[in-house]
Amino acid sequence: MQSLHAVSLVIPDYDAAISFYCGTLGWTLAEDVDQGHKRWVRILPPGATQGSLILARAETPTQQTVIGDQFGGRVGLFLATDDFARDHAAMVEAGVTFEEAPRHEPYGTVAVWRDPFGNRWDLIQFA
């Protein structure tokens, strides 16, 4: 058996990313280990026990150029919820930028939002 443990997200600054995800969005800081020249920072959405995000600070000019564009301008991250209306309202109240109004698709209710670093996400409640 295999499972996807985590996905790395290139960010400009550990503390700014932790502040947004764990402060603004209420995610859990699962690990923050100082490794000398970098940190191992793993976060999880509220209520999650798996499927974490690794916050990886850009260290080279090449890495810095992909901040906010790791997926070539496409939505590359998908935050599933069991209550779209609740989470959408809370995110709007917290100042999260949504690119569109919620829409209903055959697979569920969805809206695209951006984090402060430019990464595009779907907030989605599956049908």
Protein backbone atom coordinates (compact mmCIF):
# COMPACT_ATOMS: atom_id res chain seq x y z
CA MET A 1 0.00 0.00 0.00
CA GLN A 2 1.13 3.54 -0.76
CA SER A 3 -0.26 6.96 0.04
CA LEU A 4 0.73 10.52 -0.68
CA HIS A 5 2.21 11.88 2.56
CA ALA A 6 2.83 15.49 1.63
CA VAL A 7 3.29 18.03 -1.13
CA SER A 8 5.96 20.72 -1.04
CA LEU A 9 4.98 24.34 -1.55
CA VAL A 10 7.75 26.84 -2.32
CA ILE A 11 7.23 29.99 -0.25
CA PRO A 12 9.30 33.15 0.31
CA ASP A 13 9.39 32.98 4.13
CA TYR A 14 8.57 30.28 6.67
CA ASP A 15 7.03 32.55 9.29
CA ALA A 16 4.85 34.45 6.80
CA ALA A 17 3.51 31.16 5.43
CA ILE A 18 2.91 29.75 8.92
CA SER A 19 1.13 32.97 9.88
CA PHE A 20 -1.22 32.71 6.90
CA TYR A 21 -1.95 29.00 6.94
CA CYS A 22 -1.92 28.38 10.69
CA GLY A 23 -3.06 31.82 11.82
CA THR A 24 -5.49 33.07 9.18
CA LEU A 25 -6.77 29.67 8.03
CA GLY A 26 -6.47 27.76 11.31
CA TRP A 27 -4.30 24.93 10.03
CA THR A 28 -2.21 22.85 12.42
CA LEU A 29 1.55 23.25 12.63
CA ALA A 30 2.52 19.57 12.80
CA GLU A 31 6.30 20.01 12.66
CA ASP A 32 8.77 22.90 12.63
CA VAL A 33 12.28 21.52 12.89
CA ASP A 34 15.33 23.76 12.54
CA GLN A 35 17.86 21.98 10.34
CA GLY A 36 20.47 24.72 10.42
CA HIS A 37 20.30 26.18 6.92
CA LYS A 38 16.60 25.36 6.49
CA ARG A 39 13.54 24.21 8.42
CA TRP A 40 11.26 21.18 8.04
CA VAL A 41 7.81 22.76 8.31
CA ARG A 42 4.77 20.51 7.90
CA ILE A 43 1.21 21.78 8.23
CA LEU A 44 -2.23 20.16 8.03
CA PRO A 45 -5.70 21.55 7.32
CA PRO A 46 -8.14 21.61 10.26
CA GLY A 47 -9.17 18.08 11.26
CA ALA A 48 -6.71 16.37 8.89
CA THR A 49 -4.45 13.54 10.03
CA GLN A 50 -2.75 13.01 6.68
CA GLY A 51 -2.25 14.85 3.42
CA SER A 52 0.08 17.53 4.73
CA LEU A 53 1.80 20.48 3.11
CA ILE A 54 5.55 21.02 3.45
CA LEU A 55 6.45 24.72 3.45
CA ALA A 56 9.75 24.97 1.58
CA ARG A 57 11.50 28.35 1.61
CA ALA A 58 12.98 29.34 -1.74
CA GLU A 59 16.76 29.37 -1.46
CA THR A 60 17.94 29.99 -5.03
CA PRO A 61 16.95 32.51 -7.71
CA THR A 62 15.37 29.67 -9.70
CA GLN A 63 13.27 28.61 -6.71
CA GLN A 64 12.26 32.22 -6.07
CA THR A 65 10.90 32.53 -9.62
CA VAL A 66 8.38 29.72 -9.05
CA ILE A 67 6.81 31.18 -5.90
CA GLY A 68 3.11 31.45 -6.71
CA ASP A 69 3.55 29.77 -10.08
CA GLN A 70 4.54 26.19 -9.27
CA PHE A 71 1.64 24.92 -11.37
CA GLY A 72 2.09 27.15 -14.41
CA GLY A 73 -0.83 29.42 -13.54
CA ARG A 74 -3.25 26.54 -13.02
CA VAL A 75 -4.99 25.54 -9.83
CA GLY A 76 -2.56 23.07 -8.34
CA LEU A 77 -3.83 22.56 -4.80
CA PHE A 78 -7.24 21.31 -3.71
CA LEU A 79 -8.63 21.88 -0.23
CA ALA A 80 -11.58 19.53 0.33
CA THR A 81 -14.22 20.42 2.89
CA ASP A 82 -17.28 18.76 4.38
CA ASP A 83 -19.09 22.13 4.57
CA PHE A 84 -18.37 24.48 1.68
CA ALA A 85 -20.61 27.32 2.89
CA ARG A 86 -19.05 27.35 6.36
CA ASP A 87 -15.46 27.31 5.16
CA HIS A 88 -16.01 29.74 2.28
CA ALA A 89 -17.65 32.24 4.65
CA ALA A 90 -14.86 31.86 7.22
CA MET A 91 -12.17 32.32 4.58
CA VAL A 92 -13.85 35.41 3.14
CA GLU A 93 -14.19 36.82 6.68
CA ALA A 94 -10.46 36.15 7.24
CA GLY A 95 -9.59 38.13 4.11
CA VAL A 96 -8.80 35.29 1.71
CA THR A 97 -9.03 36.36 -1.94
CA PHE A 98 -11.44 34.32 -4.04
CA GLU A 99 -11.18 34.68 -7.81
CA GLU A 100 -14.79 33.73 -8.41
CA ALA A 101 -18.13 33.14 -6.79
CA PRO A 102 -18.84 29.55 -5.71
CA ARG A 103 -20.04 27.40 -8.57
CA HIS A 104 -21.76 24.05 -8.76
CA GLU A 105 -20.19 21.42 -10.98
CA PRO A 106 -21.17 17.78 -11.48
CA TYR A 107 -18.37 16.78 -9.07
CA GLY A 108 -19.28 19.30 -6.35
CA THR A 109 -19.25 22.92 -5.18
CA VAL A 110 -16.02 24.77 -5.86
CA ALA A 111 -14.37 28.20 -5.89
CA VAL A 112 -10.82 29.23 -6.76
CA TRP A 113 -8.82 31.21 -4.20
CA ARG A 114 -5.23 32.43 -3.86
CA ASP A 115 -2.86 32.41 -0.94
CA PRO A 116 -0.79 35.57 -0.29
CA PHE A 117 2.06 34.11 -2.35
CA GLY A 118 -0.02 33.70 -5.53
CA ASN A 119 -0.73 29.96 -5.38
CA ARG A 120 -4.13 29.06 -6.81
CA TRP A 121 -6.29 26.63 -4.83
CA ASP A 122 -9.73 25.09 -5.18
CA LEU A 123 -11.94 25.03 -2.12
CA ILE A 124 -14.15 22.06 -2.93
CA GLN A 125 -16.95 20.05 -1.41
CA PHE A 126 -17.41 16.90 -3.43
CA ALA A 127 -20.91 15.89 -4.47
